[in-house]
């Protein structure tokens, strides 16, 4: 029997560790998950209609230091921007929920709800569930978040609460939970909703996540568990950022057969320029699951001499944007020329959407962006 909604909330306030595994809702083992996904579930395009957007309130000064306040203000502003288009749910530790409600609750259009689920950081794209859809149904794939495999490195940070959040969130909304047969993050998976997935080799074929699994085997596991027919692999670059070069900072589908490619701006580190050049070569010769050649639009980054933020980890990428119901929420970095070019390119790529740019210097200083800080809960397609 399903538990009452209020009881679920009470359990979540205690933390995922206090909730019996069986109480977190039905969980399909890996083999069953693959079979279900191959049958009628698939990873949708982000442009498909959403029920809501999930975000997370950054919790730890040990991670963000003196920048924690600025990062929280950025999260609130991004939540406000998305709320112009759809409801927003922000996960927060119970002890921090009141502050999150205060900062996020002012000036919203659609509702912004703060949900008391313990977390560690804001990167819900990576530790939250990756949603799958089928006729009349939605399921959530838990990709076994392990802190990007950074234990014992300079990138290591606490992630125990984040690792449990996907199960808690799916339980809260009564969504069936599947366990992925691989370790990864939502930011490492870019789907067109029509059978094609883009990923980087560096973030998945990596012993810090999937030791002993070959690229070929991982491709088969992702096809089965994400309901896709083809995986386009680009090399990426391991060990240079916390994600090992996620695809969502590099290349995004705007529609089946159409890709936006991040082009590093002036003064970009040569290693990231090389990643862009290699990615472009791969995509120019690739075809998608339906045999289409990819139409590529380059999205140039800003000149970091002109940006209002900076630092060693600063992610100066417009490509890490988020699509909501009728909206595109993208960063603004303070380089007025580059900001304007990005706005025009994104508006042309999403003609049925309204582009809204938000300054995110705090978030970007941690090596991420708006897409990293969001996760969409898709609406179920019509039942067959």
Protein backbone atom coordinates (compact mmCIF):
# COMPACT_ATOMS: atom_id res chain seq x y z
CA UNK A 1 0.00 0.00 0.00
CA UNK A 2 1.29 3.46 -0.85
CA UNK A 3 2.18 5.63 2.14
CA UNK A 4 0.34 8.94 2.69
CA UNK A 5 2.06 11.97 1.21
CA UNK A 6 2.54 13.60 4.64
CA UNK A 7 4.26 10.49 5.94
CA UNK A 8 6.65 10.58 3.04
CA UNK A 9 7.55 14.16 3.89
CA UNK A 10 8.16 13.18 7.52
CA UNK A 11 10.50 10.37 6.54
CA UNK A 12 12.40 12.59 4.13
CA UNK A 13 13.08 15.11 6.87
CA UNK A 14 14.84 12.32 8.76
CA UNK A 15 17.17 11.79 5.81
CA UNK A 16 17.41 8.96 3.32
CA UNK A 17 19.55 6.90 5.68
CA UNK A 18 16.60 6.70 8.08
CA UNK A 19 14.21 5.39 5.45
CA UNK A 20 14.15 1.62 4.91
CA UNK A 21 15.19 0.76 1.39
CA UNK A 22 11.92 -1.03 0.77
CA UNK A 23 10.01 2.14 1.65
CA UNK A 24 11.65 4.11 -1.12
CA UNK A 25 9.33 2.62 -3.70
CA UNK A 26 9.72 -0.11 -6.28
CA UNK A 27 13.27 -0.57 -7.54
CA UNK A 28 13.98 -2.72 -10.58
CA UNK A 29 17.31 -4.54 -10.65
CA UNK A 30 19.65 -3.73 -13.50
CA UNK A 31 18.55 -6.57 -15.78
CA UNK A 32 14.88 -5.69 -15.37
CA UNK A 33 15.61 -2.01 -15.88
CA UNK A 34 17.27 -2.76 -19.19
CA UNK A 35 14.37 -4.91 -20.31
CA UNK A 36 11.76 -2.29 -19.39
CA UNK A 37 13.68 0.54 -21.04
CA UNK A 38 14.26 -1.47 -24.19
CA UNK A 39 10.55 -2.23 -24.33
CA UNK A 40 8.81 1.10 -23.91
CA UNK A 41 10.86 3.61 -21.87
CA UNK A 42 13.35 6.09 -23.29
CA UNK A 43 15.21 9.24 -22.32
CA UNK A 44 13.22 12.16 -23.75
CA UNK A 45 14.50 15.37 -25.28
CA UNK A 46 14.78 18.19 -22.78
CA UNK A 47 12.46 20.24 -24.98
CA UNK A 48 9.59 17.82 -24.31
CA UNK A 49 6.98 19.19 -21.88
CA UNK A 50 7.92 19.22 -18.19
CA UNK A 51 5.82 18.87 -15.07
CA UNK A 52 8.43 20.75 -13.06
CA UNK A 53 12.14 21.54 -12.68
CA UNK A 54 14.26 20.32 -9.76
CA UNK A 55 17.10 22.31 -8.24
CA UNK A 56 19.14 22.00 -5.03
CA UNK A 57 20.20 24.51 -2.38
CA UNK A 58 24.01 24.49 -1.90
CA UNK A 59 24.63 23.35 1.64
CA UNK A 60 28.32 23.43 2.52
CA UNK A 61 30.67 26.31 3.24
CA UNK A 62 33.44 23.70 3.22
CA UNK A 63 32.85 23.41 -0.53
CA UNK A 64 32.06 27.03 -1.45
CA UNK A 65 33.90 28.98 1.26
CA UNK A 66 33.15 32.71 1.24
CA UNK A 67 31.29 32.29 -2.06
CA UNK A 68 28.40 30.31 -0.57
CA UNK A 69 26.14 33.36 -0.25
CA UNK A 70 26.72 34.41 -3.85
CA UNK A 71 26.06 30.88 -5.11
CA UNK A 72 22.80 30.72 -3.18
CA UNK A 73 21.71 34.05 -4.67
CA UNK A 74 22.49 32.68 -8.14
CA UNK A 75 20.42 29.57 -7.47
CA UNK A 76 17.48 31.73 -6.36
CA UNK A 77 17.75 33.88 -9.50
CA UNK A 78 17.87 30.84 -11.77
CA UNK A 79 14.84 29.40 -9.96
CA UNK A 80 12.98 32.68 -10.49
CA UNK A 81 13.86 32.68 -14.20
CA UNK A 82 12.64 29.10 -14.67
CA UNK A 83 9.48 29.85 -12.70
CA UNK A 84 8.40 32.14 -15.54
CA UNK A 85 7.79 28.96 -17.51
CA UNK A 86 7.05 26.08 -15.12
CA UNK A 87 6.97 25.08 -11.43
CA UNK A 88 10.28 24.67 -9.60
CA UNK A 89 11.13 22.39 -6.66
CA UNK A 90 14.31 23.14 -4.69
CA UNK A 91 15.79 20.41 -2.49
CA UNK A 92 17.29 21.69 0.77
CA UNK A 93 18.53 20.40 4.09
CA UNK A 94 15.80 20.81 6.73
CA UNK A 95 18.01 23.22 8.69
CA UNK A 96 18.44 25.40 5.57
CA UNK A 97 14.93 25.18 4.17
CA UNK A 98 13.70 28.43 5.73
CA UNK A 99 16.48 30.45 4.10
CA UNK A 100 15.88 28.71 0.79
CA UNK A 101 12.16 29.51 0.99
CA UNK A 102 12.90 33.14 1.80
CA UNK A 103 15.33 33.64 -1.08
CA UNK A 104 13.44 31.59 -3.66
CA UNK A 105 9.91 32.56 -2.72
CA UNK A 106 10.01 36.20 -3.74
CA UNK A 107 8.88 37.25 -7.20
CA UNK A 108 8.14 33.80 -8.59
CA UNK A 109 5.62 33.30 -11.37
CA UNK A 110 4.87 29.58 -11.16
CA UNK A 111 5.32 28.13 -7.69
CA UNK A 112 8.78 27.54 -6.23
CA UNK A 113 8.53 24.84 -3.57
CA UNK A 114 11.33 23.97 -1.16
CA UNK A 115 11.41 20.26 -0.40
CA UNK A 116 13.24 19.06 2.71
CA UNK A 117 15.55 16.38 1.35
CA UNK A 118 19.12 16.40 2.71
CA UNK A 119 21.74 17.27 0.10
CA UNK A 120 25.36 18.40 -0.08
CA UNK A 121 25.68 20.53 -3.19
CA UNK A 122 23.71 22.12 -6.00
CA UNK A 123 24.54 19.82 -8.95
CA UNK A 124 21.22 18.01 -9.13
CA UNK A 125 21.69 17.25 -12.81
CA UNK A 126 24.38 14.81 -11.73
CA UNK A 127 23.09 13.31 -8.51
CA UNK A 128 19.35 13.51 -9.21
CA UNK A 129 17.41 10.95 -11.23
CA UNK A 130 17.59 10.87 -15.02
CA UNK A 131 13.97 10.58 -16.12
CA UNK A 132 12.63 8.14 -18.69
CA UNK A 133 9.21 8.21 -20.31
CA UNK A 134 6.88 5.82 -22.08
CA UNK A 135 3.23 5.84 -23.10
CA UNK A 136 1.38 7.29 -20.11
CA UNK A 137 4.27 6.77 -17.70
CA UNK A 138 7.46 8.26 -16.24
CA UNK A 139 10.28 6.47 -14.41
CA UNK A 140 13.48 7.70 -12.80
CA UNK A 141 16.88 6.15 -13.48
CA UNK A 142 19.27 6.35 -10.53
CA UNK A 143 22.75 6.49 -12.09
CA UNK A 144 24.57 5.56 -8.87
CA UNK A 145 26.23 8.90 -8.14
CA UNK A 146 29.68 8.38 -6.60
CA UNK A 147 30.90 11.97 -6.32
CA UNK A 148 32.23 11.90 -9.91
CA UNK A 149 34.68 9.23 -8.78
CA UNK A 150 36.88 11.82 -7.13
CA UNK A 151 37.64 10.13 -3.82
CA UNK A 152 41.27 10.67 -2.91
CA UNK A 153 41.78 13.52 -5.40
CA UNK A 154 41.92 17.29 -5.03
CA UNK A 155 38.34 17.40 -6.35
CA UNK A 156 36.92 15.23 -3.55
CA UNK A 157 33.99 16.65 -1.59
CA UNK A 158 31.18 15.20 0.58
CA UNK A 159 28.43 13.50 -1.42
CA UNK A 160 26.66 10.93 0.79
CA UNK A 161 23.45 12.96 0.97
CA UNK A 162 23.56 13.71 -2.74
CA UNK A 163 23.97 10.01 -3.52
CA UNK A 164 20.76 9.23 -1.62
CA UNK A 165 18.72 12.13 -2.99
CA UNK A 166 17.55 10.51 -6.23
CA UNK A 167 15.80 7.69 -4.35
CA UNK A 168 14.22 10.13 -1.88
CA UNK A 169 13.00 12.47 -4.60
CA UNK A 170 11.45 9.69 -6.66
CA UNK A 171 9.75 8.30 -3.57
CA UNK A 172 8.35 11.73 -2.76
CA UNK A 173 6.61 11.95 -6.13
CA UNK A 174 5.65 8.29 -6.40
CA UNK A 175 7.85 7.72 -9.45
CA UNK A 176 9.15 4.22 -10.17
CA UNK A 177 12.88 4.02 -9.51
CA UNK A 178 15.24 2.07 -11.75
CA UNK A 179 18.91 1.42 -11.01
CA UNK A 180 21.32 1.99 -13.88
CA UNK A 181 23.75 -0.85 -14.65
CA UNK A 182 26.58 1.69 -14.81
CA UNK A 183 27.90 4.66 -12.80
CA UNK A 184 27.47 8.10 -14.27
CA UNK A 185 25.74 11.44 -13.95
CA UNK A 186 22.90 13.21 -15.72
CA UNK A 187 25.33 15.77 -17.12
CA UNK A 188 27.17 12.98 -18.91
CA UNK A 189 24.06 11.99 -20.92
CA UNK A 190 22.64 14.10 -23.77
CA UNK A 191 19.66 12.62 -25.65
CA UNK A 192 17.71 13.85 -28.67
CA UNK A 193 14.52 11.96 -27.72
CA UNK A 194 14.65 10.14 -31.06
CA UNK A 195 17.04 7.31 -30.28
CA UNK A 196 20.43 9.09 -30.13
CA UNK A 197 22.66 9.69 -27.11
CA UNK A 198 25.83 11.82 -26.98
CA UNK A 199 28.44 11.17 -24.29
CA UNK A 200 32.13 11.75 -23.64
CA UNK A 201 34.46 8.79 -23.31
CA UNK A 202 36.37 10.55 -20.53
CA UNK A 203 33.44 10.79 -18.13
CA UNK A 204 32.19 7.21 -18.45
CA UNK A 205 34.92 4.89 -19.76
CA UNK A 206 36.87 5.71 -16.66
CA UNK A 207 38.04 3.51 -13.80
CA UNK A 208 36.82 6.09 -11.30
CA UNK A 209 33.25 5.18 -12.28
CA UNK A 210 33.12 1.99 -14.33
CA UNK A 211 36.28 -0.07 -13.76
CA UNK A 212 36.67 -2.96 -16.14
CA UNK A 213 33.86 -1.90 -18.49
CA UNK A 214 34.84 -1.27 -22.10
CA UNK A 215 33.40 1.49 -24.25
CA UNK A 216 31.50 -1.12 -26.26
CA UNK A 217 30.00 -2.71 -23.16
CA UNK A 218 29.04 0.65 -21.66
CA UNK A 219 27.38 1.60 -24.91
CA UNK A 220 25.23 -1.52 -24.79
CA UNK A 221 24.31 -0.91 -21.15
CA UNK A 222 23.28 2.68 -21.90
CA UNK A 223 21.25 1.66 -24.92
CA UNK A 224 19.30 -0.79 -22.82
CA UNK A 225 18.77 1.33 -19.74
CA UNK A 226 18.10 4.65 -21.54
CA UNK A 227 16.08 3.27 -24.41
CA UNK A 228 18.35 4.64 -27.15
CA UNK A 229 19.50 3.04 -30.40
CA UNK A 230 22.83 4.76 -30.98
CA UNK A 231 25.56 6.32 -28.83
CA UNK A 232 27.79 9.02 -30.31
CA UNK A 233 31.07 9.03 -28.38
CA UNK A 234 33.34 12.08 -28.28
CA UNK A 235 36.72 11.84 -26.53
CA UNK A 236 36.41 14.57 -23.87
CA UNK A 237 39.26 15.04 -21.41
CA UNK A 238 39.75 13.21 -18.12
CA UNK A 239 41.23 14.61 -14.93
CA UNK A 240 41.03 18.32 -15.73
CA UNK A 241 37.74 19.15 -14.01
CA UNK A 242 35.53 17.47 -11.46
CA UNK A 243 33.28 15.88 -14.10
CA UNK A 244 35.99 14.59 -16.46
CA UNK A 245 34.43 16.75 -19.20
CA UNK A 246 30.68 16.27 -19.21
CA UNK A 247 28.90 16.46 -22.55
CA UNK A 248 26.45 19.14 -21.36
CA UNK A 249 29.23 21.75 -21.29
CA UNK A 250 30.36 20.73 -24.75
CA UNK A 251 27.55 19.70 -27.12
CA UNK A 252 23.76 19.73 -26.88
CA UNK A 253 20.90 18.55 -29.08
CA UNK A 254 18.47 21.33 -29.99
CA UNK A 255 16.36 18.88 -32.02
CA UNK A 256 16.95 15.49 -33.65
CA UNK A 257 19.80 15.94 -36.12
CA UNK A 258 20.72 19.41 -34.79
CA UNK A 259 23.54 20.11 -32.32
CA UNK A 260 24.93 23.20 -30.60
CA UNK A 261 28.70 22.93 -30.08
CA UNK A 262 30.53 24.96 -27.48
CA UNK A 263 33.41 26.95 -28.99
CA UNK A 264 35.89 28.26 -26.40
CA UNK A 265 36.21 32.03 -26.35
CA UNK A 266 39.35 34.16 -26.68
CA UNK A 267 42.06 33.33 -24.13
CA UNK A 268 40.61 29.87 -23.49
CA UNK A 269 43.00 27.22 -22.23
CA UNK A 270 44.52 25.38 -25.23
CA UNK A 271 43.52 22.00 -23.81
CA UNK A 272 39.84 22.95 -24.03
CA UNK A 273 40.33 24.33 -27.52
CA UNK A 274 41.73 20.92 -28.48
CA UNK A 275 38.68 19.21 -26.94
CA UNK A 276 36.39 21.45 -29.02
CA UNK A 277 38.32 20.75 -32.22
CA UNK A 278 38.26 16.99 -31.70
CA UNK A 279 34.56 17.05 -30.81
CA UNK A 280 33.81 19.01 -33.97
CA UNK A 281 35.66 16.46 -36.08
CA UNK A 282 33.73 13.59 -34.53
CA UNK A 283 30.33 15.27 -34.89
CA UNK A 284 30.97 16.36 -38.48
CA UNK A 285 31.43 12.72 -39.48
CA UNK A 286 28.70 11.26 -37.25
CA UNK A 287 25.16 10.22 -38.07
CA UNK A 288 22.34 9.82 -35.59
CA UNK A 289 20.11 6.82 -34.88
CA UNK A 290 17.98 7.60 -37.93
CA UNK A 291 20.94 7.99 -40.28
CA UNK A 292 20.88 11.80 -40.38
CA UNK A 293 24.08 13.82 -40.61
CA UNK A 294 24.27 16.37 -37.82
CA UNK A 295 23.71 20.06 -38.49
CA UNK A 296 26.17 21.82 -36.14
CA UNK A 297 25.82 25.37 -34.81
CA UNK A 298 28.80 26.75 -32.90
CA UNK A 299 28.15 28.77 -29.75
CA UNK A 300 31.23 30.93 -28.97
CA UNK A 301 32.23 31.53 -25.37
CA UNK A 302 32.98 34.93 -23.86
CA UNK A 303 36.32 36.71 -23.63
CA UNK A 304 37.33 36.13 -20.02
CA UNK A 305 39.00 39.56 -20.01
CA UNK A 306 35.47 41.00 -20.29
CA UNK A 307 33.56 38.72 -17.92
CA UNK A 308 32.38 39.84 -14.50
CA UNK A 309 33.51 36.58 -12.91
CA UNK A 310 36.55 34.39 -13.19
CA UNK A 311 38.91 32.02 -11.48
CA UNK A 312 40.61 28.72 -12.18
CA UNK A 313 37.41 26.66 -12.24
CA UNK A 314 35.18 29.30 -13.88
CA UNK A 315 32.95 27.69 -16.54
CA UNK A 316 32.58 30.30 -19.28
CA UNK A 317 30.20 28.19 -21.38
CA UNK A 318 26.88 29.37 -22.79
CA UNK A 319 26.20 25.79 -23.87
CA UNK A 320 25.30 24.78 -20.31
CA UNK A 321 21.82 26.31 -20.67
CA UNK A 322 18.47 24.81 -19.68
CA UNK A 323 15.26 24.48 -21.71
CA UNK A 324 11.97 24.88 -19.85
CA UNK A 325 8.38 24.89 -21.14
CA UNK A 326 8.65 27.64 -23.75
CA UNK A 327 11.85 29.09 -22.31
CA UNK A 328 15.63 28.83 -22.56
CA UNK A 329 17.49 29.94 -19.42
CA UNK A 330 21.10 30.74 -20.27
CA UNK A 331 24.04 32.44 -18.57
CA UNK A 332 25.11 36.03 -18.92
CA UNK A 333 28.81 36.58 -18.23
CA UNK A 334 29.24 40.33 -18.64
CA UNK A 335 30.99 40.30 -22.03
CA UNK A 336 28.25 42.31 -23.71
CA UNK A 337 29.19 41.31 -27.25
CA UNK A 338 29.45 37.58 -26.50
CA UNK A 339 26.31 37.68 -24.34
CA UNK A 340 24.42 39.20 -27.27
CA UNK A 341 25.74 36.67 -29.77
CA UNK A 342 24.78 33.81 -27.47
CA UNK A 343 21.29 35.24 -27.06
CA UNK A 344 20.82 35.49 -30.83
CA UNK A 345 22.13 31.97 -31.52
CA UNK A 346 19.96 30.39 -28.84
CA UNK A 347 16.88 32.31 -29.94
CA UNK A 348 17.42 31.11 -33.52
CA UNK A 349 17.98 27.53 -32.33
CA UNK A 350 14.77 27.55 -30.25
CA UNK A 351 12.35 29.73 -32.23
CA UNK A 352 9.34 28.69 -30.14
CA UNK A 353 11.05 29.62 -26.87
CA UNK A 354 11.88 32.82 -25.04
CA UNK A 355 15.56 33.18 -24.13
CA UNK A 356 16.26 34.58 -20.65
CA UNK A 357 19.86 35.27 -19.58
CA UNK A 358 20.87 35.21 -15.92
CA UNK A 359 24.21 36.18 -14.35
CA UNK A 360 25.72 33.11 -12.63
CA UNK A 361 29.24 34.14 -11.63
CA UNK A 362 28.93 32.30 -8.32
CA UNK A 363 27.77 29.02 -9.85
CA UNK A 364 30.27 29.26 -12.71
CA UNK A 365 33.13 29.76 -10.26
CA UNK A 366 32.53 26.18 -9.12
CA UNK A 367 32.97 24.77 -12.62
CA UNK A 368 29.31 24.35 -13.50
CA UNK A 369 26.37 26.14 -15.03
CA UNK A 370 22.61 26.36 -15.25
CA UNK A 371 22.13 22.93 -16.83
CA UNK A 372 24.29 21.34 -14.14
CA UNK A 373 22.06 22.97 -11.50
CA UNK A 374 18.72 21.77 -12.90
CA UNK A 375 16.86 18.57 -13.74
CA UNK A 376 13.56 18.33 -15.59
CA UNK A 377 10.69 16.07 -14.60
CA UNK A 378 9.04 15.32 -17.95
CA UNK A 379 5.32 14.90 -18.48
CA UNK A 380 4.29 11.41 -19.54
CA UNK A 381 3.53 11.06 -23.24
CA UNK A 382 -0.06 10.10 -24.13
CA UNK A 383 -0.94 6.51 -23.37
CA UNK A 384 -1.09 4.28 -26.41
